[in-house]
Amino acid sequence: MKKFQKIPGLFYMSLVALTLVCTLASCDKDDDDKKLKFSSSSVTVEVEKTSDITVSGGIAPYTAKSSDDKIASVTVSQSKITVKGVKAGNATITVADKKKNSGKISVTVK
């Protein structure tokens, strides 16, 4: 009779361990999906010229804002971020997804 009492205990312990492993493994993928990834983390562009950067990860739609619109302007079309040089200087583009996860792109305008 003692032999049968140990089997349910081992079964439940195994089930708890398996659930814990599955839960921890699934968290890693969720964290990766939240991070925005860019085809380039910095860009150099000439005045009146544009440069495109692709964003991935996160959840569309994406938004983008320049730290200084007098240096560099930015537009978004789906996953394409287009940076336009306005005048010489440095700016930072902040890109955010639907859930407000964000990333930054450094811009130098020559």
C-alpha atoms as a PDB file:
ATOM      1  CA  MET A   1       0.000   0.000   0.000  1.00  0.00           C
ATOM      2  CA  LYS A   2       2.884   2.419   0.719  1.00  0.00           C
ATOM      3  CA  LYS A   3       4.149   1.858  -2.832  1.00  0.00           C
ATOM      4  CA  PHE A   4       0.893   3.253  -4.287  1.00  0.00           C
ATOM      5  CA  GLN A   5       1.015   6.331  -2.026  1.00  0.00           C
ATOM      6  CA  LYS A   6       4.434   7.348  -3.398  1.00  0.00           C
ATOM      7  CA  ILE A   7       3.314   7.229  -7.043  1.00  0.00           C
ATOM      8  CA  PRO A   8       0.745  10.086  -6.826  1.00  0.00           C
ATOM      9  CA  GLY A   9       3.266  12.215  -4.906  1.00  0.00           C
ATOM     10  CA  LEU A  10       5.943  11.715  -7.554  1.00  0.00           C
ATOM     11  CA  PHE A  11       3.411  12.324 -10.306  1.00  0.00           C
ATOM     12  CA  TYR A  12       2.344  15.667  -8.806  1.00  0.00           C
ATOM     13  CA  MET A  13       5.925  16.752  -8.203  1.00  0.00           C
ATOM     14  CA  SER A  14       6.789  15.925 -11.816  1.00  0.00           C
ATOM     15  CA  LEU A  15       3.754  17.834 -13.039  1.00  0.00           C
ATOM     16  CA  VAL A  16       4.710  20.912 -10.994  1.00  0.00           C
ATOM     17  CA  ALA A  17       8.300  20.754 -12.276  1.00  0.00           C
ATOM     18  CA  LEU A  18       7.131  20.449 -15.889  1.00  0.00           C
ATOM     19  CA  THR A  19       4.747  23.403 -15.470  1.00  0.00           C
ATOM     20  CA  LEU A  20       7.534  25.527 -13.994  1.00  0.00           C
ATOM     21  CA  VAL A  21       9.929  24.718 -16.852  1.00  0.00           C
ATOM     22  CA  CYS A  22       7.292  25.531 -19.496  1.00  0.00           C
ATOM     23  CA  THR A  23       6.401  28.813 -17.781  1.00  0.00           C
ATOM     24  CA  LEU A  24      10.010  29.974 -17.543  1.00  0.00           C
ATOM     25  CA  ALA A  25      10.787  28.976 -21.124  1.00  0.00           C
ATOM     26  CA  SER A  26       7.811  30.902 -22.482  1.00  0.00           C
ATOM     27  CA  CYS A  27       8.867  34.109 -20.667  1.00  0.00           C
ATOM     28  CA  ASP A  28      12.092  34.365 -22.680  1.00  0.00           C
ATOM     29  CA  LYS A  29      10.238  34.587 -26.004  1.00  0.00           C
ATOM     30  CA  ASP A  30       7.811  37.206 -24.666  1.00  0.00           C
ATOM     31  CA  ASP A  31      10.698  39.401 -23.533  1.00  0.00           C
ATOM     32  CA  ASP A  32      12.348  39.172 -26.969  1.00  0.00           C
ATOM     33  CA  ASP A  33       9.105  40.183 -28.702  1.00  0.00           C
ATOM     34  CA  LYS A  34       8.968  43.375 -26.621  1.00  0.00           C
ATOM     35  CA  LYS A  35      12.378  44.610 -27.715  1.00  0.00           C
ATOM     36  CA  LEU A  36      12.452  46.805 -30.783  1.00  0.00           C
ATOM     37  CA  LYS A  37      15.237  45.960 -33.201  1.00  0.00           C
ATOM     38  CA  PHE A  38      16.526  48.292 -35.896  1.00  0.00           C
ATOM     39  CA  SER A  39      18.385  47.578 -39.131  1.00  0.00           C
ATOM     40  CA  SER A  40      20.834  50.236 -37.876  1.00  0.00           C
ATOM     41  CA  SER A  41      21.172  51.884 -34.468  1.00  0.00           C
ATOM     42  CA  SER A  42      22.659  55.048 -35.983  1.00  0.00           C
ATOM     43  CA  VAL A  43      22.462  56.868 -39.289  1.00  0.00           C
ATOM     44  CA  THR A  44      24.326  59.663 -41.035  1.00  0.00           C
ATOM     45  CA  VAL A  45      22.340  61.653 -43.567  1.00  0.00           C
ATOM     46  CA  GLU A  46      23.000  64.793 -45.600  1.00  0.00           C
ATOM     47  CA  VAL A  47      20.787  67.881 -45.476  1.00  0.00           C
ATOM     48  CA  GLU A  48      17.661  67.400 -47.659  1.00  0.00           C
ATOM     49  CA  LYS A  49      18.445  63.661 -48.088  1.00  0.00           C
ATOM     50  CA  THR A  50      16.721  60.688 -46.467  1.00  0.00           C
ATOM     51  CA  SER A  51      17.748  57.389 -44.959  1.00  0.00           C
ATOM     52  CA  ASP A  52      15.500  54.412 -44.218  1.00  0.00           C
ATOM     53  CA  ILE A  53      15.717  52.151 -41.172  1.00  0.00           C
ATOM     54  CA  THR A  54      13.612  49.035 -40.656  1.00  0.00           C
ATOM     55  CA  VAL A  55      12.125  48.268 -37.250  1.00  0.00           C
ATOM     56  CA  SER A  56      11.133  44.782 -36.099  1.00  0.00           C
ATOM     57  CA  GLY A  57       9.939  43.270 -32.845  1.00  0.00           C
ATOM     58  CA  GLY A  58       7.326  44.809 -30.650  1.00  0.00           C
ATOM     59  CA  ILE A  59       3.756  45.255 -31.848  1.00  0.00           C
ATOM     60  CA  ALA A  60       2.813  47.527 -34.757  1.00  0.00           C
ATOM     61  CA  PRO A  61       1.820  50.247 -35.325  1.00  0.00           C
ATOM     62  CA  TYR A  62       5.042  52.112 -34.638  1.00  0.00           C
ATOM     63  CA  THR A  63       5.465  55.810 -33.908  1.00  0.00           C
ATOM     64  CA  ALA A  64       8.636  57.896 -34.155  1.00  0.00           C
ATOM     65  CA  LYS A  65       9.672  61.300 -32.832  1.00  0.00           C
ATOM     66  CA  SER A  66      12.791  63.357 -33.373  1.00  0.00           C
ATOM     67  CA  SER A  67      14.499  65.016 -30.417  1.00  0.00           C
ATOM     68  CA  ASP A  68      15.011  68.053 -32.687  1.00  0.00           C
ATOM     69  CA  ASP A  69      12.827  68.527 -35.767  1.00  0.00           C
ATOM     70  CA  LYS A  70      15.084  71.413 -36.851  1.00  0.00           C
ATOM     71  CA  ILE A  71      17.944  68.896 -37.300  1.00  0.00           C
ATOM     72  CA  ALA A  72      16.172  65.734 -38.467  1.00  0.00           C
ATOM     73  CA  SER A  73      12.546  64.946 -39.242  1.00  0.00           C
ATOM     74  CA  VAL A  74      11.060  61.452 -39.207  1.00  0.00           C
ATOM     75  CA  THR A  75       8.122  59.621 -40.760  1.00  0.00           C
ATOM     76  CA  VAL A  76       6.833  56.075 -40.296  1.00  0.00           C
ATOM     77  CA  SER A  77       5.269  53.773 -42.869  1.00  0.00           C
ATOM     78  CA  GLN A  78       4.505  50.350 -41.378  1.00  0.00           C
ATOM     79  CA  SER A  79       7.961  49.081 -40.292  1.00  0.00           C
ATOM     80  CA  LYS A  80       9.986  51.630 -42.304  1.00  0.00           C
ATOM     81  CA  ILE A  81      11.376  54.650 -40.456  1.00  0.00           C
ATOM     82  CA  THR A  82      12.467  57.447 -42.823  1.00  0.00           C
ATOM     83  CA  VAL A  83      14.834  60.073 -41.433  1.00  0.00           C
ATOM     84  CA  LYS A  84      15.319  63.323 -43.358  1.00  0.00           C
ATOM     85  CA  GLY A  85      18.214  65.692 -42.746  1.00  0.00           C
ATOM     86  CA  VAL A  86      17.019  69.257 -42.159  1.00  0.00           C
ATOM     87  CA  LYS A  87      20.228  71.019 -41.059  1.00  0.00           C
ATOM     88  CA  ALA A  88      23.656  69.960 -39.779  1.00  0.00           C
ATOM     89  CA  GLY A  89      23.717  68.598 -36.238  1.00  0.00           C
ATOM     90  CA  ASN A  90      22.802  65.607 -34.091  1.00  0.00           C
ATOM     91  CA  ALA A  91      19.411  64.283 -33.014  1.00  0.00           C
ATOM     92  CA  THR A  92      17.897  61.147 -31.552  1.00  0.00           C
ATOM     93  CA  ILE A  93      14.883  59.369 -32.999  1.00  0.00           C
ATOM     94  CA  THR A  94      12.711  57.569 -30.447  1.00  0.00           C
ATOM     95  CA  VAL A  95      10.588  54.774 -31.887  1.00  0.00           C
ATOM     96  CA  ALA A  96       7.741  53.209 -29.901  1.00  0.00           C
ATOM     97  CA  ASP A  97       5.345  50.353 -30.574  1.00  0.00           C
ATOM     98  CA  LYS A  98       1.666  49.945 -29.684  1.00  0.00           C
ATOM     99  CA  LYS A  99       2.515  48.876 -26.114  1.00  0.00           C
ATOM    100  CA  LYS A 100       4.930  51.815 -25.597  1.00  0.00           C
ATOM    101  CA  ASN A 101       8.082  49.682 -25.809  1.00  0.00           C
ATOM    102  CA  SER A 102      10.713  51.969 -27.286  1.00  0.00           C
ATOM    103  CA  GLY A 103      14.170  52.202 -28.783  1.00  0.00           C
ATOM    104  CA  LYS A 104      16.454  54.981 -29.992  1.00  0.00           C
ATOM    105  CA  ILE A 105      18.319  55.730 -33.222  1.00  0.00           C
ATOM    106  CA  SER A 106      21.198  58.228 -33.246  1.00  0.00           C
ATOM    107  CA  VAL A 107      21.187  60.648 -36.200  1.00  0.00           C
ATOM    108  CA  THR A 108      23.997  62.808 -37.550  1.00  0.00           C
ATOM    109  CA  VAL A 109      23.093  65.308 -40.261  1.00  0.00           C
ATOM    110  CA  LYS A 110      25.996  66.641 -42.353  1.00  0.00           C
END
